[in-house]
PDB file of all heavy atoms in Angstrom:
ATOM      1  N   ALA A   1       1.003  -0.452   8.634  1.00  0.00           N
ATOM      2  CA  ALA A   1       1.005  -1.547   7.616  1.00  0.00           C
ATOM      3  C   ALA A   1       2.282  -1.454   6.801  1.00  0.00           C
ATOM      4  O   ALA A   1       2.937  -2.534   6.566  1.00  0.00           O
ATOM      5  CB  ALA A   1      -0.228  -1.576   6.760  1.00  0.00           C
ATOM      6  N   ILE A   2       2.663  -0.317   6.353  1.00  0.00           N
ATOM      7  CA  ILE A   2       3.866  -0.084   5.549  1.00  0.00           C
ATOM      8  C   ILE A   2       5.073  -0.447   6.281  1.00  0.00           C
ATOM      9  O   ILE A   2       6.057  -1.014   5.824  1.00  0.00           O
ATOM     10  CB  ILE A   2       3.947   1.309   4.923  1.00  0.00           C
ATOM     11  CG1 ILE A   2       2.623   1.520   4.020  1.00  0.00           C
ATOM     12  CG2 ILE A   2       5.133   1.501   4.067  1.00  0.00           C
ATOM     13  CD1 ILE A   2       2.408   2.939   3.588  1.00  0.00           C
ATOM     14  N   SER A   3       5.092   0.006   7.568  1.00  0.00           N
ATOM     15  CA  SER A   3       6.146  -0.300   8.458  1.00  0.00           C
ATOM     16  C   SER A   3       6.461  -1.791   8.550  1.00  0.00           C
ATOM     17  O   SER A   3       7.635  -2.276   8.764  1.00  0.00           O
ATOM     18  CB  SER A   3       5.994   0.422   9.867  1.00  0.00           C
ATOM     19  OG  SER A   3       6.185   1.707   9.764  1.00  0.00           O
ATOM     20  N   ARG A   4       5.294  -2.506   8.818  1.00  0.00           N
ATOM     21  CA  ARG A   4       5.523  -4.003   8.866  1.00  0.00           C
ATOM     22  C   ARG A   4       6.216  -4.532   7.677  1.00  0.00           C
ATOM     23  O   ARG A   4       7.069  -5.419   7.779  1.00  0.00           O
ATOM     24  CB  ARG A   4       4.174  -4.617   9.026  1.00  0.00           C
ATOM     25  CG  ARG A   4       3.472  -4.283  10.360  1.00  0.00           C
ATOM     26  CD  ARG A   4       2.153  -5.227  10.510  1.00  0.00           C
ATOM     27  NE  ARG A   4       1.464  -4.745  11.733  1.00  0.00           N
ATOM     28  CZ  ARG A   4       0.345  -4.069  11.588  1.00  0.00           C
ATOM     29  NH1 ARG A   4      -0.171  -3.695  10.377  1.00  0.00           N
ATOM     30  NH2 ARG A   4      -0.332  -3.623  12.695  1.00  0.00           N
ATOM     31  N   LEU A   5       5.871  -4.096   6.463  1.00  0.00           N
ATOM     32  CA  LEU A   5       6.625  -4.596   5.263  1.00  0.00           C
ATOM     33  C   LEU A   5       8.017  -4.148   5.331  1.00  0.00           C
ATOM     34  O   LEU A   5       8.909  -4.986   4.983  1.00  0.00           O
ATOM     35  CB  LEU A   5       5.915  -3.970   3.991  1.00  0.00           C
ATOM     36  CG  LEU A   5       4.498  -4.489   3.700  1.00  0.00           C
ATOM     37  CD1 LEU A   5       3.870  -3.706   2.543  1.00  0.00           C
ATOM     38  CD2 LEU A   5       4.560  -5.925   3.317  1.00  0.00           C
ATOM     39  N   LEU A   6       8.398  -2.890   5.604  1.00  0.00           N
ATOM     40  CA  LEU A   6       9.776  -2.417   5.745  1.00  0.00           C
ATOM     41  C   LEU A   6      10.524  -3.180   6.725  1.00  0.00           C
ATOM     42  O   LEU A   6      11.651  -3.560   6.408  1.00  0.00           O
ATOM     43  CB  LEU A   6       9.807  -0.996   5.963  1.00  0.00           C
ATOM     44  CG  LEU A   6       9.174   0.018   4.880  1.00  0.00           C
ATOM     45  CD1 LEU A   6       8.987   1.385   5.461  1.00  0.00           C
ATOM     46  CD2 LEU A   6      10.032   0.014   3.695  1.00  0.00           C
ATOM     47  N   ASN A   7       9.884  -3.460   7.872  1.00  0.00           N
ATOM     48  CA  ASN A   7      10.616  -4.196   8.922  1.00  0.00           C
ATOM     49  C   ASN A   7      10.895  -5.710   8.608  1.00  0.00           C
ATOM     50  O   ASN A   7      11.758  -6.310   9.046  1.00  0.00           O
ATOM     51  CB  ASN A   7       9.849  -4.087  10.200  1.00  0.00           C
ATOM     52  CG  ASN A   7       9.870  -2.675  10.805  1.00  0.00           C
ATOM     53  OD1 ASN A   7      10.790  -1.941  10.569  1.00  0.00           O
ATOM     54  ND2 ASN A   7       8.916  -2.344  11.620  1.00  0.00           N
ATOM     55  N   ALA A   8      10.104  -6.173   7.544  1.00  0.00           N
ATOM     56  CA  ALA A   8      10.235  -7.515   7.072  1.00  0.00           C
ATOM     57  C   ALA A   8      11.175  -7.525   5.934  1.00  0.00           C
ATOM     58  O   ALA A   8      11.293  -8.565   5.170  1.00  0.00           O
ATOM     59  CB  ALA A   8       8.845  -8.139   6.755  1.00  0.00           C
ATOM     60  N   ALA A   9      11.849  -6.486   5.622  1.00  0.00           N
ATOM     61  CA  ALA A   9      12.842  -6.273   4.555  1.00  0.00           C
ATOM     62  C   ALA A   9      12.280  -6.277   3.179  1.00  0.00           C
ATOM     63  O   ALA A   9      12.948  -6.616   2.138  1.00  0.00           O
ATOM     64  CB  ALA A   9      13.968  -7.359   4.682  1.00  0.00           C
ATOM     65  N   PHE A  10      10.947  -6.002   3.055  1.00  0.00           N
ATOM     66  CA  PHE A  10      10.362  -5.813   1.698  1.00  0.00           C
ATOM     67  C   PHE A  10      10.602  -4.296   1.280  1.00  0.00           C
ATOM     68  O   PHE A  10      10.662  -3.437   2.185  1.00  0.00           O
ATOM     69  CB  PHE A  10       8.872  -6.074   1.710  1.00  0.00           C
ATOM     70  CG  PHE A  10       8.530  -7.584   1.770  1.00  0.00           C
ATOM     71  CD1 PHE A  10       8.061  -8.116   2.932  1.00  0.00           C
ATOM     72  CD2 PHE A  10       8.789  -8.326   0.696  1.00  0.00           C
ATOM     73  CE1 PHE A  10       7.688  -9.444   2.979  1.00  0.00           C
ATOM     74  CE2 PHE A  10       8.303  -9.722   0.763  1.00  0.00           C
ATOM     75  CZ  PHE A  10       7.896 -10.252   1.935  1.00  0.00           C
ATOM     76  N   VAL A  11      10.688  -4.137   0.051  1.00  0.00           N
ATOM     77  CA  VAL A  11      10.660  -2.759  -0.534  1.00  0.00           C
ATOM     78  C   VAL A  11       9.417  -2.459  -1.317  1.00  0.00           C
ATOM     79  O   VAL A  11       9.189  -2.998  -2.377  1.00  0.00           O
ATOM     80  CB  VAL A  11      11.885  -2.638  -1.564  1.00  0.00           C
ATOM     81  CG1 VAL A  11      11.938  -1.294  -2.158  1.00  0.00           C
ATOM     82  CG2 VAL A  11      13.195  -2.930  -0.809  1.00  0.00           C
ATOM     83  N   PRO A  12       8.430  -1.717  -0.642  1.00  0.00           N
ATOM     84  CA  PRO A  12       7.232  -1.452  -1.347  1.00  0.00           C
ATOM     85  C   PRO A  12       7.395  -0.646  -2.614  1.00  0.00           C
ATOM     86  O   PRO A  12       8.067   0.377  -2.629  1.00  0.00           O
ATOM     87  CB  PRO A  12       6.443  -0.671  -0.263  1.00  0.00           C
ATOM     88  CG  PRO A  12       7.043  -1.003   1.013  1.00  0.00           C
ATOM     89  CD  PRO A  12       8.551  -1.137   0.649  1.00  0.00           C
ATOM     90  N   VAL A  13       6.626  -0.968  -3.663  1.00  0.00           N
ATOM     91  CA  VAL A  13       6.601  -0.208  -4.903  1.00  0.00           C
ATOM     92  C   VAL A  13       5.210   0.117  -5.195  1.00  0.00           C
ATOM     93  O   VAL A  13       4.321  -0.724  -5.560  1.00  0.00           O
ATOM     94  CB  VAL A  13       7.136  -1.119  -6.106  1.00  0.00           C
ATOM     95  CG1 VAL A  13       7.040  -0.313  -7.384  1.00  0.00           C
ATOM     96  CG2 VAL A  13       8.596  -1.454  -5.823  1.00  0.00           C
ATOM     97  N   PHE A  14       4.877   1.406  -5.009  1.00  0.00           N
ATOM     98  CA  PHE A  14       3.400   1.833  -5.054  1.00  0.00           C
ATOM     99  C   PHE A  14       3.201   2.437  -6.473  1.00  0.00           C
ATOM    100  O   PHE A  14       3.975   3.317  -6.958  1.00  0.00           O
ATOM    101  CB  PHE A  14       3.213   2.954  -4.036  1.00  0.00           C
ATOM    102  CG  PHE A  14       3.002   2.389  -2.619  1.00  0.00           C
ATOM    103  CD1 PHE A  14       4.108   2.405  -1.700  1.00  0.00           C
ATOM    104  CD2 PHE A  14       1.738   2.025  -2.241  1.00  0.00           C
ATOM    105  CE1 PHE A  14       3.936   1.910  -0.519  1.00  0.00           C
ATOM    106  CE2 PHE A  14       1.549   1.665  -0.853  1.00  0.00           C
ATOM    107  CZ  PHE A  14       2.627   1.526  -0.040  1.00  0.00           C
ATOM    108  N   CYS A  15       2.078   2.061  -7.065  1.00  0.00           N
ATOM    109  CA  CYS A  15       1.609   2.662  -8.268  1.00  0.00           C
ATOM    110  C   CYS A  15       0.744   3.907  -7.822  1.00  0.00           C
ATOM    111  O   CYS A  15       0.393   3.983  -6.610  1.00  0.00           O
ATOM    112  CB  CYS A  15       0.802   1.753  -9.112  1.00  0.00           C
ATOM    113  SG  CYS A  15      -0.760   1.141  -8.445  1.00  0.00           S
ATOM    114  N   ALA A  16       0.354   4.658  -8.840  1.00  0.00           N
ATOM    115  CA  ALA A  16      -0.434   5.904  -8.505  1.00  0.00           C
ATOM    116  C   ALA A  16      -1.898   5.648  -8.424  1.00  0.00           C
ATOM    117  O   ALA A  16      -2.720   6.275  -9.090  1.00  0.00           O
ATOM    118  CB  ALA A  16      -0.119   6.921  -9.608  1.00  0.00           C
ATOM    119  N   MET A  17      -2.297   4.758  -7.427  1.00  0.00           N
ATOM    120  CA  MET A  17      -3.681   4.478  -7.241  1.00  0.00           C
ATOM    121  C   MET A  17      -3.965   4.341  -5.733  1.00  0.00           C
ATOM    122  O   MET A  17      -3.127   3.766  -4.955  1.00  0.00           O
ATOM    123  CB  MET A  17      -4.135   3.257  -7.929  1.00  0.00           C
ATOM    124  CG  MET A  17      -4.008   3.209  -9.438  1.00  0.00           C
ATOM    125  SD  MET A  17      -4.844   1.918 -10.286  1.00  0.00           S
ATOM    126  CE  MET A  17      -6.565   2.501 -10.058  1.00  0.00           C
ATOM    127  N   SER A  18      -5.073   4.992  -5.296  1.00  0.00           N
ATOM    128  CA  SER A  18      -5.612   4.816  -3.877  1.00  0.00           C
ATOM    129  C   SER A  18      -6.906   4.096  -3.978  1.00  0.00           C
ATOM    130  O   SER A  18      -7.316   3.666  -4.968  1.00  0.00           O
ATOM    131  CB  SER A  18      -5.615   6.239  -3.310  1.00  0.00           C
ATOM    132  OG  SER A  18      -6.485   7.081  -4.037  1.00  0.00           O
ATOM    133  N   HIS A  19      -7.628   4.213  -2.744  1.00  0.00           N
ATOM    134  CA  HIS A  19      -9.040   3.596  -2.782  1.00  0.00           C
ATOM    135  C   HIS A  19      -9.730   4.290  -1.626  1.00  0.00           C
ATOM    136  O   HIS A  19      -9.230   5.018  -0.793  1.00  0.00           O
ATOM    137  CB  HIS A  19      -8.972   2.084  -2.585  1.00  0.00           C
ATOM    138  CG  HIS A  19      -8.765   1.696  -1.075  1.00  0.00           C
ATOM    139  ND1 HIS A  19      -9.552   0.815  -0.432  1.00  0.00           N
ATOM    140  CD2 HIS A  19      -7.753   2.045  -0.257  1.00  0.00           C
ATOM    141  CE1 HIS A  19      -9.178   0.667   0.752  1.00  0.00           C
ATOM    142  NE2 HIS A  19      -8.032   1.357   0.963  1.00  0.00           N
ATOM    143  N   ASP A  20     -11.194   4.242  -1.711  1.00  0.00           N
ATOM    144  CA  ASP A  20     -11.918   4.938  -0.681  1.00  0.00           C
ATOM    145  C   ASP A  20     -12.410   4.089   0.486  1.00  0.00           C
ATOM    146  O   ASP A  20     -13.109   4.600   1.270  1.00  0.00           O
ATOM    147  CB  ASP A  20     -13.126   5.571  -1.426  1.00  0.00           C
ATOM    148  CG  ASP A  20     -14.151   4.524  -1.929  1.00  0.00           C
ATOM    149  OD1 ASP A  20     -13.862   3.349  -1.804  1.00  0.00           O
ATOM    150  OD2 ASP A  20     -15.167   4.991  -2.476  1.00  0.00           O
ATOM    151  N   GLY A  21     -11.969   2.868   0.627  1.00  0.00           N
ATOM    152  CA  GLY A  21     -12.412   1.943   1.636  1.00  0.00           C
ATOM    153  C   GLY A  21     -13.803   1.387   1.499  1.00  0.00           C
ATOM    154  O   GLY A  21     -14.253   0.661   2.282  1.00  0.00           O
ATOM    155  N   LYS A  22     -14.406   1.693   0.377  1.00  0.00           N
ATOM    156  CA  LYS A  22     -15.777   1.256   0.104  1.00  0.00           C
ATOM    157  C   LYS A  22     -15.807   0.424  -1.247  1.00  0.00           C
ATOM    158  O   LYS A  22     -16.875   0.253  -1.795  1.00  0.00           O
ATOM    159  CB  LYS A  22     -16.664   2.458   0.028  1.00  0.00           C
ATOM    160  CG  LYS A  22     -16.801   3.291   1.265  1.00  0.00           C
ATOM    161  CD  LYS A  22     -17.655   4.471   1.111  1.00  0.00           C
ATOM    162  CE  LYS A  22     -17.597   5.421   2.370  1.00  0.00           C
ATOM    163  NZ  LYS A  22     -18.373   6.607   2.188  1.00  0.00           N
ATOM    164  N   GLY A  23     -14.632   0.035  -1.680  1.00  0.00           N
ATOM    165  CA  GLY A  23     -14.577  -0.756  -2.878  1.00  0.00           C
ATOM    166  C   GLY A  23     -14.274  -0.014  -4.259  1.00  0.00           C
ATOM    167  O   GLY A  23     -14.211  -0.628  -5.224  1.00  0.00           O
ATOM    168  N   GLN A  24     -13.936   1.225  -3.964  1.00  0.00           N
ATOM    169  CA  GLN A  24     -13.713   2.126  -5.292  1.00  0.00           C
ATOM    170  C   GLN A  24     -12.267   2.446  -5.328  1.00  0.00           C
ATOM    171  O   GLN A  24     -11.678   3.080  -4.528  1.00  0.00           O
ATOM    172  CB  GLN A  24     -14.551   3.370  -5.172  1.00  0.00           C
ATOM    173  CG  GLN A  24     -14.365   4.200  -6.455  1.00  0.00           C
ATOM    174  CD  GLN A  24     -14.790   3.559  -7.693  1.00  0.00           C
ATOM    175  OE1 GLN A  24     -16.013   3.262  -7.776  1.00  0.00           O
ATOM    176  NE2 GLN A  24     -13.867   3.418  -8.673  1.00  0.00           N
ATOM    177  N   LEU A  25     -11.543   2.035  -6.447  1.00  0.00           N
ATOM    178  CA  LEU A  25     -10.190   2.458  -6.746  1.00  0.00           C
ATOM    179  C   LEU A  25     -10.267   3.764  -7.247  1.00  0.00           C
ATOM    180  O   LEU A  25     -11.278   4.330  -7.875  1.00  0.00           O
ATOM    181  CB  LEU A  25      -9.546   1.554  -7.815  1.00  0.00           C
ATOM    182  CG  LEU A  25      -9.192   0.108  -7.344  1.00  0.00           C
ATOM    183  CD1 LEU A  25      -8.886  -0.708  -8.538  1.00  0.00           C
ATOM    184  CD2 LEU A  25      -8.022   0.214  -6.400  1.00  0.00           C
ATOM    185  N   LEU A  26      -9.168   4.634  -7.037  1.00  0.00           N
ATOM    186  CA  LEU A  26      -9.143   5.911  -7.377  1.00  0.00           C
ATOM    187  C   LEU A  26      -7.772   6.304  -8.026  1.00  0.00           C
ATOM    188  O   LEU A  26      -6.743   5.959  -7.479  1.00  0.00           O
ATOM    189  CB  LEU A  26      -9.393   6.940  -6.273  1.00  0.00           C
ATOM    190  CG  LEU A  26     -10.785   6.761  -5.708  1.00  0.00           C
ATOM    191  CD1 LEU A  26     -10.770   7.483  -4.273  1.00  0.00           C
ATOM    192  CD2 LEU A  26     -11.787   7.422  -6.528  1.00  0.00           C
TER     193      LEU A  26
END
C-alpha cells in the first residue's frame, strides 16, 4: 500500500499511531 503511494509520487507523512485491525487506534 505504501509503495502505491510512493509510485504515485506522494510523500507519506506518518504520525506515531498504529491500529489493531479491529477498530482500535494505538
